[in-house]
Amino acid sequence: MDRVAIAKWGGIFVLAAAIVVIIWQWPHWRASAAAGSAYAARITCSCRYVEGRSAESCARDIADDASLVSIVESPEERAITGSVPLLGRATAQFKPGYGCLMQQD
């Protein structure tokens, strides 16, 4: 075989191996993203609506633990949504007398 053929088959092998790893790890990544999103939403909701702290202060609480989670606040609903693109999403909403409760998304 010449070098071009070896490089071609090597590239195909690397691509196939990457696809196998993605398929194999996808359920784990989704579960981790769902848990991280729920954690970040619940902690941020409690920080904002139970403790009454600023958004910047609350962001520091989850910065190291859930760095890939994006937080969106809905002040009119008193809700926080945490999400990891394509993998997971969770919403916690403040209910007076109950605190922050996780919502079904």
PDB file of N, CA and C in Angstrom:
ATOM      1  N   MET A   1       0.839  -1.190   0.000  1.00  0.00           N
ATOM      2  CA  MET A   1       0.000   0.000   0.000  1.00  0.00           C
ATOM      3  C   MET A   1       0.876   1.242   0.000  1.00  0.00           C
ATOM      4  N   ASP A   2       0.421   2.243  -0.691  1.00  0.00           N
ATOM      5  CA  ASP A   2       1.168   3.490  -0.693  1.00  0.00           C
ATOM      6  C   ASP A   2       0.741   4.358   0.495  1.00  0.00           C
ATOM      7  N   ARG A   3       1.451   5.445   0.689  1.00  0.00           N
ATOM      8  CA  ARG A   3       1.207   6.318   1.847  1.00  0.00           C
ATOM      9  C   ARG A   3      -0.175   6.958   1.825  1.00  0.00           C
ATOM     10  N   VAL A   4      -0.679   7.287   0.665  1.00  0.00           N
ATOM     11  CA  VAL A   4      -1.996   7.914   0.558  1.00  0.00           C
ATOM     12  C   VAL A   4      -3.072   6.945   1.036  1.00  0.00           C
ATOM     13  N   ALA A   5      -2.973   5.690   0.631  1.00  0.00           N
ATOM     14  CA  ALA A   5      -3.953   4.683   1.052  1.00  0.00           C
ATOM     15  C   ALA A   5      -3.879   4.449   2.554  1.00  0.00           C
ATOM     16  N   ILE A   6      -2.677   4.406   3.101  1.00  0.00           N
ATOM     17  CA  ILE A   6      -2.506   4.216   4.548  1.00  0.00           C
ATOM     18  C   ILE A   6      -3.111   5.399   5.305  1.00  0.00           C
ATOM     19  N   ALA A   7      -2.855   6.603   4.826  1.00  0.00           N
ATOM     20  CA  ALA A   7      -3.414   7.797   5.470  1.00  0.00           C
ATOM     21  C   ALA A   7      -4.936   7.777   5.382  1.00  0.00           C
ATOM     22  N   LYS A   8      -5.479   7.371   4.243  1.00  0.00           N
ATOM     23  CA  LYS A   8      -6.931   7.309   4.063  1.00  0.00           C
ATOM     24  C   LYS A   8      -7.550   6.324   5.043  1.00  0.00           C
ATOM     25  N   TRP A   9      -6.985   5.116   5.128  1.00  0.00           N
ATOM     26  CA  TRP A   9      -7.537   4.106   6.036  1.00  0.00           C
ATOM     27  C   TRP A   9      -7.323   4.498   7.502  1.00  0.00           C
ATOM     28  N   GLY A  10      -6.227   5.173   7.770  1.00  0.00           N
ATOM     29  CA  GLY A  10      -5.998   5.666   9.135  1.00  0.00           C
ATOM     30  C   GLY A  10      -7.036   6.699   9.533  1.00  0.00           C
ATOM     31  N   GLY A  11      -7.358   7.600   8.611  1.00  0.00           N
ATOM     32  CA  GLY A  11      -8.385   8.608   8.873  1.00  0.00           C
ATOM     33  C   GLY A  11      -9.757   7.986   9.075  1.00  0.00           C
ATOM     34  N   ILE A  12     -10.072   6.986   8.255  1.00  0.00           N
ATOM     35  CA  ILE A  12     -11.355   6.290   8.401  1.00  0.00           C
ATOM     36  C   ILE A  12     -11.418   5.577   9.740  1.00  0.00           C
ATOM     37  N   PHE A  13     -10.325   4.958  10.150  1.00  0.00           N
ATOM     38  CA  PHE A  13     -10.285   4.270  11.438  1.00  0.00           C
ATOM     39  C   PHE A  13     -10.491   5.248  12.599  1.00  0.00           C
ATOM     40  N   VAL A  14      -9.816   6.385  12.545  1.00  0.00           N
ATOM     41  CA  VAL A  14      -9.953   7.392  13.610  1.00  0.00           C
ATOM     42  C   VAL A  14     -11.390   7.913  13.667  1.00  0.00           C
ATOM     43  N   LEU A  15     -11.992   8.184  12.533  1.00  0.00           N
ATOM     44  CA  LEU A  15     -13.370   8.652  12.484  1.00  0.00           C
ATOM     45  C   LEU A  15     -14.324   7.598  13.047  1.00  0.00           C
ATOM     46  N   ALA A  16     -14.136   6.360  12.654  1.00  0.00           N
ATOM     47  CA  ALA A  16     -14.991   5.276  13.156  1.00  0.00           C
ATOM     48  C   ALA A  16     -14.823   5.102  14.664  1.00  0.00           C
ATOM     49  N   ALA A  17     -13.607   5.198  15.145  1.00  0.00           N
ATOM     50  CA  ALA A  17     -13.361   5.078  16.590  1.00  0.00           C
ATOM     51  C   ALA A  17     -14.035   6.226  17.344  1.00  0.00           C
ATOM     52  N   ALA A  18     -13.971   7.439  16.794  1.00  0.00           N
ATOM     53  CA  ALA A  18     -14.619   8.591  17.434  1.00  0.00           C
ATOM     54  C   ALA A  18     -16.129   8.395  17.487  1.00  0.00           C
ATOM     55  N   ILE A  19     -16.722   7.888  16.423  1.00  0.00           N
ATOM     56  CA  ILE A  19     -18.167   7.642  16.394  1.00  0.00           C
ATOM     57  C   ILE A  19     -18.552   6.591  17.433  1.00  0.00           C
ATOM     58  N   VAL A  20     -17.772   5.544  17.541  1.00  0.00           N
ATOM     59  CA  VAL A  20     -18.041   4.500  18.540  1.00  0.00           C
ATOM     60  C   VAL A  20     -17.967   5.069  19.952  1.00  0.00           C
ATOM     61  N   VAL A  21     -16.971   5.885  20.235  1.00  0.00           N
ATOM     62  CA  VAL A  21     -16.839   6.488  21.570  1.00  0.00           C
ATOM     63  C   VAL A  21     -18.025   7.398  21.866  1.00  0.00           C
ATOM     64  N   ILE A  22     -18.440   8.196  20.901  1.00  0.00           N
ATOM     65  CA  ILE A  22     -19.587   9.087  21.100  1.00  0.00           C
ATOM     66  C   ILE A  22     -20.847   8.278  21.379  1.00  0.00           C
ATOM     67  N   ILE A  23     -21.112   7.252  20.607  1.00  0.00           N
ATOM     68  CA  ILE A  23     -22.298   6.416  20.824  1.00  0.00           C
ATOM     69  C   ILE A  23     -22.235   5.732  22.182  1.00  0.00           C
ATOM     70  N   TRP A  24     -21.078   5.243  22.554  1.00  0.00           N
ATOM     71  CA  TRP A  24     -20.900   4.534  23.818  1.00  0.00           C
ATOM     72  C   TRP A  24     -21.077   5.475  25.012  1.00  0.00           C
ATOM     73  N   GLN A  25     -20.569   6.697  24.918  1.00  0.00           N
ATOM     74  CA  GLN A  25     -20.606   7.629  26.035  1.00  0.00           C
ATOM     75  C   GLN A  25     -21.858   8.503  26.082  1.00  0.00           C
ATOM     76  N   TRP A  26     -22.647   8.561  25.002  1.00  0.00           N
ATOM     77  CA  TRP A  26     -23.796   9.458  24.931  1.00  0.00           C
ATOM     78  C   TRP A  26     -24.746   9.322  26.129  1.00  0.00           C
ATOM     79  N   PRO A  27     -25.172   8.118  26.526  1.00  0.00           N
ATOM     80  CA  PRO A  27     -26.077   8.020  27.683  1.00  0.00           C
ATOM     81  C   PRO A  27     -25.455   8.587  28.966  1.00  0.00           C
ATOM     82  N   HIS A  28     -24.185   8.360  29.164  1.00  0.00           N
ATOM     83  CA  HIS A  28     -23.500   8.903  30.346  1.00  0.00           C
ATOM     84  C   HIS A  28     -23.454  10.429  30.284  1.00  0.00           C
ATOM     85  N   TRP A  29     -23.142  10.981  29.127  1.00  0.00           N
ATOM     86  CA  TRP A  29     -23.083  12.436  28.967  1.00  0.00           C
ATOM     87  C   TRP A  29     -24.451  13.063  29.201  1.00  0.00           C
ATOM     88  N   ARG A  30     -25.503  12.425  28.675  1.00  0.00           N
ATOM     89  CA  ARG A  30     -26.870  12.954  28.870  1.00  0.00           C
ATOM     90  C   ARG A  30     -27.263  12.927  30.341  1.00  0.00           C
ATOM     91  N   ALA A  31     -26.965  11.825  31.018  1.00  0.00           N
ATOM     92  CA  ALA A  31     -27.305  11.713  32.442  1.00  0.00           C
ATOM     93  C   ALA A  31     -26.537  12.743  33.265  1.00  0.00           C
ATOM     94  N   SER A  32     -25.276  12.917  32.975  1.00  0.00           N
ATOM     95  CA  SER A  32     -24.467  13.910  33.687  1.00  0.00           C
ATOM     96  C   SER A  32     -24.971  15.324  33.419  1.00  0.00           C
ATOM     97  N   ALA A  33     -25.342  15.599  32.182  1.00  0.00           N
ATOM     98  CA  ALA A  33     -25.857  16.928  31.833  1.00  0.00           C
ATOM     99  C   ALA A  33     -27.194  17.190  32.513  1.00  0.00           C
ATOM    100  N   ALA A  34     -28.051  16.187  32.568  1.00  0.00           N
ATOM    101  CA  ALA A  34     -29.346  16.348  33.234  1.00  0.00           C
ATOM    102  C   ALA A  34     -29.154  16.604  34.728  1.00  0.00           C
ATOM    103  N   ALA A  35     -28.265  15.843  35.352  1.00  0.00           N
ATOM    104  CA  ALA A  35     -28.005  16.035  36.784  1.00  0.00           C
ATOM    105  C   ALA A  35     -27.361  17.390  37.042  1.00  0.00           C
ATOM    106  N   GLY A  36     -26.403  17.769  36.223  1.00  0.00           N
ATOM    107  CA  GLY A  36     -25.735  19.062  36.387  1.00  0.00           C
ATOM    108  C   GLY A  36     -26.684  20.226  36.165  1.00  0.00           C
ATOM    109  N   SER A  37     -27.573  20.104  35.186  1.00  0.00           N
ATOM    110  CA  SER A  37     -28.553  21.155  34.917  1.00  0.00           C
ATOM    111  C   SER A  37     -29.512  21.311  36.091  1.00  0.00           C
ATOM    112  N   ALA A  38     -29.979  20.189  36.625  1.00  0.00           N
ATOM    113  CA  ALA A  38     -30.896  20.233  37.765  1.00  0.00           C
ATOM    114  C   ALA A  38     -30.208  20.813  38.998  1.00  0.00           C
ATOM    115  N   TYR A  39     -28.978  20.394  39.229  1.00  0.00           N
ATOM    116  CA  TYR A  39     -28.205  20.902  40.367  1.00  0.00           C
ATOM    117  C   TYR A  39     -28.043  22.420  40.257  1.00  0.00           C
ATOM    118  N   ALA A  40     -27.602  22.887  39.107  1.00  0.00           N
ATOM    119  CA  ALA A  40     -27.359  24.317  38.922  1.00  0.00           C
ATOM    120  C   ALA A  40     -28.652  25.126  39.026  1.00  0.00           C
ATOM    121  N   ALA A  41     -29.741  24.603  38.459  1.00  0.00           N
ATOM    122  CA  ALA A  41     -31.022  25.310  38.533  1.00  0.00           C
ATOM    123  C   ALA A  41     -31.512  25.391  39.973  1.00  0.00           C
ATOM    124  N   ARG A  42     -31.426  24.305  40.697  1.00  0.00           N
ATOM    125  CA  ARG A  42     -31.923  24.269  42.082  1.00  0.00           C
ATOM    126  C   ARG A  42     -31.088  25.161  42.997  1.00  0.00           C
ATOM    127  N   ILE A  43     -29.770  25.075  42.894  1.00  0.00           N
ATOM    128  CA  ILE A  43     -28.887  25.890  43.737  1.00  0.00           C
ATOM    129  C   ILE A  43     -29.079  27.374  43.416  1.00  0.00           C
ATOM    130  N   THR A  44     -29.141  27.717  42.139  1.00  0.00           N
ATOM    131  CA  THR A  44     -29.301  29.118  41.744  1.00  0.00           C
ATOM    132  C   THR A  44     -30.672  29.653  42.151  1.00  0.00           C
ATOM    133  N   CYS A  45     -31.711  28.844  42.002  1.00  0.00           N
ATOM    134  CA  CYS A  45     -33.051  29.260  42.409  1.00  0.00           C
ATOM    135  C   CYS A  45     -33.081  29.558  43.908  1.00  0.00           C
ATOM    136  N   SER A  46     -32.513  28.669  44.702  1.00  0.00           N
ATOM    137  CA  SER A  46     -32.487  28.890  46.149  1.00  0.00           C
ATOM    138  C   SER A  46     -31.672  30.125  46.506  1.00  0.00           C
ATOM    139  N   CYS A  47     -30.579  30.297  45.825  1.00  0.00           N
ATOM    140  CA  CYS A  47     -29.718  31.456  46.073  1.00  0.00           C
ATOM    141  C   CYS A  47     -30.457  32.759  45.759  1.00  0.00           C
ATOM    142  N   ARG A  48     -31.131  32.791  44.612  1.00  0.00           N
ATOM    143  CA  ARG A  48     -31.808  34.024  44.171  1.00  0.00           C
ATOM    144  C   ARG A  48     -33.083  34.311  44.954  1.00  0.00           C
ATOM    145  N   TYR A  49     -33.957  33.305  45.098  1.00  0.00           N
ATOM    146  CA  TYR A  49     -35.299  33.564  45.608  1.00  0.00           C
ATOM    147  C   TYR A  49     -35.505  33.211  47.079  1.00  0.00           C
ATOM    148  N   VAL A  50     -34.668  32.364  47.650  1.00  0.00           N
ATOM    149  CA  VAL A  50     -34.763  32.070  49.079  1.00  0.00           C
ATOM    150  C   VAL A  50     -33.818  32.985  49.852  1.00  0.00           C
ATOM    151  N   GLU A  51     -32.559  33.050  49.386  1.00  0.00           N
ATOM    152  CA  GLU A  51     -31.562  33.877  50.061  1.00  0.00           C
ATOM    153  C   GLU A  51     -31.584  35.336  49.610  1.00  0.00           C
ATOM    154  N   GLY A  52     -32.118  35.603  48.409  1.00  0.00           N
ATOM    155  CA  GLY A  52     -32.203  36.970  47.903  1.00  0.00           C
ATOM    156  C   GLY A  52     -30.880  37.561  47.450  1.00  0.00           C
ATOM    157  N   ARG A  53     -29.940  36.711  47.040  1.00  0.00           N
ATOM    158  CA  ARG A  53     -28.630  37.190  46.600  1.00  0.00           C
ATOM    159  C   ARG A  53     -28.658  37.598  45.126  1.00  0.00           C
ATOM    160  N   SER A  54     -27.615  38.298  44.695  1.00  0.00           N
ATOM    161  CA  SER A  54     -27.513  38.752  43.304  1.00  0.00           C
ATOM    162  C   SER A  54     -27.159  37.580  42.385  1.00  0.00           C
ATOM    163  N   ALA A  55     -27.444  37.760  41.099  1.00  0.00           N
ATOM    164  CA  ALA A  55     -27.132  36.725  40.107  1.00  0.00           C
ATOM    165  C   ALA A  55     -25.630  36.456  40.036  1.00  0.00           C
ATOM    166  N   GLU A  56     -24.820  37.514  40.140  1.00  0.00           N
ATOM    167  CA  GLU A  56     -23.360  37.353  40.090  1.00  0.00           C
ATOM    168  C   GLU A  56     -22.860  36.530  41.281  1.00  0.00           C
ATOM    169  N   SER A  57     -23.416  36.811  42.444  1.00  0.00           N
ATOM    170  CA  SER A  57     -23.034  36.066  43.642  1.00  0.00           C
ATOM    171  C   SER A  57     -23.422  34.594  43.515  1.00  0.00           C
ATOM    172  N   CYS A  58     -24.596  34.334  42.979  1.00  0.00           N
ATOM    173  CA  CYS A  58     -25.071  32.955  42.827  1.00  0.00           C
ATOM    174  C   CYS A  58     -24.253  32.190  41.794  1.00  0.00           C
ATOM    175  N   ALA A  59     -23.808  32.883  40.743  1.00  0.00           N
ATOM    176  CA  ALA A  59     -23.016  32.225  39.696  1.00  0.00           C
ATOM    177  C   ALA A  59     -21.728  31.647  40.263  1.00  0.00           C
ATOM    178  N   ARG A  60     -21.163  32.299  41.259  1.00  0.00           N
ATOM    179  CA  ARG A  60     -19.928  31.795  41.874  1.00  0.00           C
ATOM    180  C   ARG A  60     -20.169  30.486  42.629  1.00  0.00           C
ATOM    181  N   ASP A  61     -21.385  30.273  43.093  1.00  0.00           N
ATOM    182  CA  ASP A  61     -21.691  29.046  43.837  1.00  0.00           C
ATOM    183  C   ASP A  61     -21.598  27.799  42.976  1.00  0.00           C
ATOM    184  N   ILE A  62     -21.881  27.917  41.694  1.00  0.00           N
ATOM    185  CA  ILE A  62     -21.879  26.739  40.820  1.00  0.00           C
ATOM    186  C   ILE A  62     -20.741  26.740  39.807  1.00  0.00           C
ATOM    187  N   ALA A  63     -19.914  27.756  39.809  1.00  0.00           N
ATOM    188  CA  ALA A  63     -18.882  27.919  38.773  1.00  0.00           C
ATOM    189  C   ALA A  63     -17.976  26.702  38.631  1.00  0.00           C
ATOM    190  N   ASP A  64     -17.521  26.140  39.731  1.00  0.00           N
ATOM    191  CA  ASP A  64     -16.598  25.002  39.652  1.00  0.00           C
ATOM    192  C   ASP A  64     -17.319  23.675  39.437  1.00  0.00           C
ATOM    193  N   ASP A  65     -18.509  23.542  40.004  1.00  0.00           N
ATOM    194  CA  ASP A  65     -19.210  22.264  39.953  1.00  0.00           C
ATOM    195  C   ASP A  65     -19.956  22.026  38.646  1.00  0.00           C
ATOM    196  N   ALA A  66     -20.470  23.064  38.046  1.00  0.00           N
ATOM    197  CA  ALA A  66     -21.294  22.910  36.842  1.00  0.00           C
ATOM    198  C   ALA A  66     -20.923  23.969  35.812  1.00  0.00           C
ATOM    199  N   SER A  67     -19.667  23.986  35.442  1.00  0.00           N
ATOM    200  CA  SER A  67     -19.162  25.044  34.569  1.00  0.00           C
ATOM    201  C   SER A  67     -19.742  25.007  33.148  1.00  0.00           C
ATOM    202  N   LEU A  68     -20.235  23.863  32.691  1.00  0.00           N
ATOM    203  CA  LEU A  68     -20.786  23.765  31.338  1.00  0.00           C
ATOM    204  C   LEU A  68     -22.266  24.107  31.270  1.00  0.00           C
ATOM    205  N   VAL A  69     -22.886  24.330  32.432  1.00  0.00           N
ATOM    206  CA  VAL A  69     -24.319  24.605  32.477  1.00  0.00           C
ATOM    207  C   VAL A  69     -24.570  26.096  32.278  1.00  0.00           C
ATOM    208  N   SER A  70     -25.483  26.405  31.360  1.00  0.00           N
ATOM    209  CA  SER A  70     -25.927  27.785  31.152  1.00  0.00           C
ATOM    210  C   SER A  70     -27.165  28.016  32.001  1.00  0.00           C
ATOM    211  N   ILE A  71     -27.226  29.187  32.631  1.00  0.00           N
ATOM    212  CA  ILE A  71     -28.348  29.531  33.500  1.00  0.00           C
ATOM    213  C   ILE A  71     -29.167  30.646  32.855  1.00  0.00           C
ATOM    214  N   VAL A  72     -30.497  30.462  32.834  1.00  0.00           N
ATOM    215  CA  VAL A  72     -31.416  31.490  32.351  1.00  0.00           C
ATOM    216  C   VAL A  72     -32.437  31.735  33.455  1.00  0.00           C
ATOM    217  N   GLU A  73     -32.588  33.007  33.812  1.00  0.00           N
ATOM    218  CA  GLU A  73     -33.524  33.368  34.871  1.00  0.00           C
ATOM    219  C   GLU A  73     -34.806  33.937  34.268  1.00  0.00           C
ATOM    220  N   SER A  74     -35.941  33.535  34.820  1.00  0.00           N
ATOM    221  CA  SER A  74     -37.250  34.075  34.451  1.00  0.00           C
ATOM    222  C   SER A  74     -37.837  34.744  35.685  1.00  0.00           C
ATOM    223  N   PRO A  75     -37.500  36.028  35.917  1.00  0.00           N
ATOM    224  CA  PRO A  75     -37.914  36.699  37.149  1.00  0.00           C
ATOM    225  C   PRO A  75     -39.427  36.757  37.347  1.00  0.00           C
ATOM    226  N   GLU A  76     -40.185  36.940  36.266  1.00  0.00           N
ATOM    227  CA  GLU A  76     -41.632  37.034  36.410  1.00  0.00           C
ATOM    228  C   GLU A  76     -42.242  35.715  36.905  1.00  0.00           C
ATOM    229  N   GLU A  77     -41.613  34.598  36.582  1.00  0.00           N
ATOM    230  CA  GLU A  77     -42.079  33.287  37.031  1.00  0.00           C
ATOM    231  C   GLU A  77     -41.330  32.810  38.270  1.00  0.00           C
ATOM    232  N   ARG A  78     -40.304  33.557  38.639  1.00  0.00           N
ATOM    233  CA  ARG A  78     -39.409  33.189  39.741  1.00  0.00           C
ATOM    234  C   ARG A  78     -38.858  31.780  39.505  1.00  0.00           C
ATOM    235  N   ALA A  79     -38.294  31.601  38.311  1.00  0.00           N
ATOM    236  CA  ALA A  79     -37.785  30.298  37.894  1.00  0.00           C
ATOM    237  C   ALA A  79     -36.381  30.441  37.320  1.00  0.00           C
ATOM    238  N   ILE A  80     -35.611  29.386  37.469  1.00  0.00           N
ATOM    239  CA  ILE A  80     -34.254  29.301  36.920  1.00  0.00           C
ATOM    240  C   ILE A  80     -34.182  28.034  36.080  1.00  0.00           C
ATOM    241  N   THR A  81     -33.669  28.160  34.857  1.00  0.00           N
ATOM    242  CA  THR A  81     -33.466  27.005  33.997  1.00  0.00           C
ATOM    243  C   THR A  81     -31.974  26.818  33.768  1.00  0.00           C
ATOM    244  N   GLY A  82     -31.510  25.613  33.989  1.00  0.00           N
ATOM    245  CA  GLY A  82     -30.125  25.243  33.706  1.00  0.00           C
ATOM    246  C   GLY A  82     -30.119  24.316  32.505  1.00  0.00           C
ATOM    247  N   SER A  83     -29.156  24.502  31.610  1.00  0.00           N
ATOM    248  CA  SER A  83     -29.106  23.629  30.437  1.00  0.00           C
ATOM    249  C   SER A  83     -27.683  23.447  29.932  1.00  0.00           C
ATOM    250  N   VAL A  84     -27.490  22.287  29.324  1.00  0.00           N
ATOM    251  CA  VAL A  84     -26.264  21.974  28.594  1.00  0.00           C
ATOM    252  C   VAL A  84     -26.732  21.694  27.171  1.00  0.00           C
ATOM    253  N   PRO A  85     -26.305  22.490  26.199  1.00  0.00           N
ATOM    254  CA  PRO A  85     -26.812  22.341  24.830  1.00  0.00           C
ATOM    255  C   PRO A  85     -26.759  20.899  24.323  1.00  0.00           C
ATOM    256  N   LEU A  86     -27.879  20.468  23.759  1.00  0.00           N
ATOM    257  CA  LEU A  86     -28.070  19.145  23.150  1.00  0.00           C
ATOM    258  C   LEU A  86     -28.091  17.988  24.147  1.00  0.00           C
ATOM    259  N   LEU A  87     -27.837  18.244  25.427  1.00  0.00           N
ATOM    260  CA  LEU A  87     -27.718  17.132  26.364  1.00  0.00           C
ATOM    261  C   LEU A  87     -28.728  17.134  27.505  1.00  0.00           C
ATOM    262  N   GLY A  88     -28.984  18.265  28.125  1.00  0.00           N
ATOM    263  CA  GLY A  88     -29.872  18.248  29.275  1.00  0.00           C
ATOM    264  C   GLY A  88     -30.386  19.618  29.646  1.00  0.00           C
ATOM    265  N   ARG A  89     -31.536  19.625  30.328  1.00  0.00           N
ATOM    266  CA  ARG A  89     -32.180  20.882  30.722  1.00  0.00           C
ATOM    267  C   ARG A  89     -33.053  20.601  31.931  1.00  0.00           C
ATOM    268  N   ALA A  90     -33.096  21.549  32.878  1.00  0.00           N
ATOM    269  CA  ALA A  90     -33.941  21.414  34.062  1.00  0.00           C
ATOM    270  C   ALA A  90     -34.327  22.806  34.559  1.00  0.00           C
ATOM    271  N   THR A  91     -35.530  22.899  35.144  1.00  0.00           N
ATOM    272  CA  THR A  91     -36.029  24.167  35.655  1.00  0.00           C
ATOM    273  C   THR A  91     -36.454  24.007  37.104  1.00  0.00           C
ATOM    274  N   ALA A  92     -36.038  24.956  37.932  1.00  0.00           N
ATOM    275  CA  ALA A  92     -36.476  25.033  39.324  1.00  0.00           C
ATOM    276  C   ALA A  92     -37.273  26.313  39.480  1.00  0.00           C
ATOM    277  N   GLN A  93     -38.434  26.215  40.133  1.00  0.00           N
ATOM    278  CA  GLN A  93     -39.298  27.385  40.306  1.00  0.00           C
ATOM    279  C   GLN A  93     -39.600  27.570  41.788  1.00  0.00           C
ATOM    280  N   PHE A  94     -39.517  28.830  42.225  1.00  0.00           N
ATOM    281  CA  PHE A  94     -39.786  29.160  43.624  1.00  0.00           C
ATOM    282  C   PHE A  94     -41.287  29.171  43.889  1.00  0.00           C
ATOM    283  N   LYS A  95     -41.697  28.449  44.916  1.00  0.00           N
ATOM    284  CA  LYS A  95     -43.088  28.430  45.375  1.00  0.00           C
ATOM    285  C   LYS A  95     -43.087  28.852  46.841  1.00  0.00           C
ATOM    286  N   PRO A  96     -43.732  29.975  47.177  1.00  0.00           N
ATOM    287  CA  PRO A  96     -43.751  30.429  48.566  1.00  0.00           C
ATOM    288  C   PRO A  96     -44.248  29.322  49.514  1.00  0.00           C
ATOM    289  N   GLY A  97     -43.529  29.153  50.597  1.00  0.00           N
ATOM    290  CA  GLY A  97     -43.862  28.130  51.570  1.00  0.00           C
ATOM    291  C   GLY A  97     -43.239  26.773  51.286  1.00  0.00           C
ATOM    292  N   TYR A  98     -42.737  26.571  50.051  1.00  0.00           N
ATOM    293  CA  TYR A  98     -42.144  25.291  49.666  1.00  0.00           C
ATOM    294  C   TYR A  98     -40.687  25.422  49.242  1.00  0.00           C
ATOM    295  N   GLY A  99     -40.271  26.603  48.839  1.00  0.00           N
ATOM    296  CA  GLY A  99     -38.924  26.797  48.338  1.00  0.00           C
ATOM    297  C   GLY A  99     -38.865  26.571  46.838  1.00  0.00           C
ATOM    298  N   CYS A 100     -37.722  26.145  46.352  1.00  0.00           N
ATOM    299  CA  CYS A 100     -37.527  25.919  44.928  1.00  0.00           C
ATOM    300  C   CYS A 100     -37.820  24.461  44.591  1.00  0.00           C
ATOM    301  N   LEU A 101     -38.759  24.270  43.696  1.00  0.00           N
ATOM    302  CA  LEU A 101     -39.176  22.930  43.298  1.00  0.00           C
ATOM    303  C   LEU A 101     -38.786  22.690  41.853  1.00  0.00           C
ATOM    304  N   MET A 102     -38.340  21.483  41.578  1.00  0.00           N
ATOM    305  CA  MET A 102     -37.982  21.121  40.213  1.00  0.00           C
ATOM    306  C   MET A 102     -39.252  20.922  39.393  1.00  0.00           C
ATOM    307  N   GLN A 103     -39.243  21.438  38.170  1.00  0.00           N
ATOM    308  CA  GLN A 103     -40.386  21.345  37.266  1.00  0.00           C
ATOM    309  C   GLN A 103     -40.117  20.262  36.221  1.00  0.00           C
ATOM    310  N   GLN A 104     -41.176  19.700  35.708  1.00  0.00           N
ATOM    311  CA  GLN A 104     -41.057  18.748  34.607  1.00  0.00           C
ATOM    312  C   GLN A 104     -40.852  19.522  33.311  1.00  0.00           C
ATOM    313  N   ASP A 105     -39.788  19.246  32.585  1.00  0.00           N
ATOM    314  CA  ASP A 105     -39.539  19.914  31.292  1.00  0.00           C
ATOM    315  C   ASP A 105     -39.961  19.023  30.152  1.00  0.00           C
TER     316      ASP A 105
END
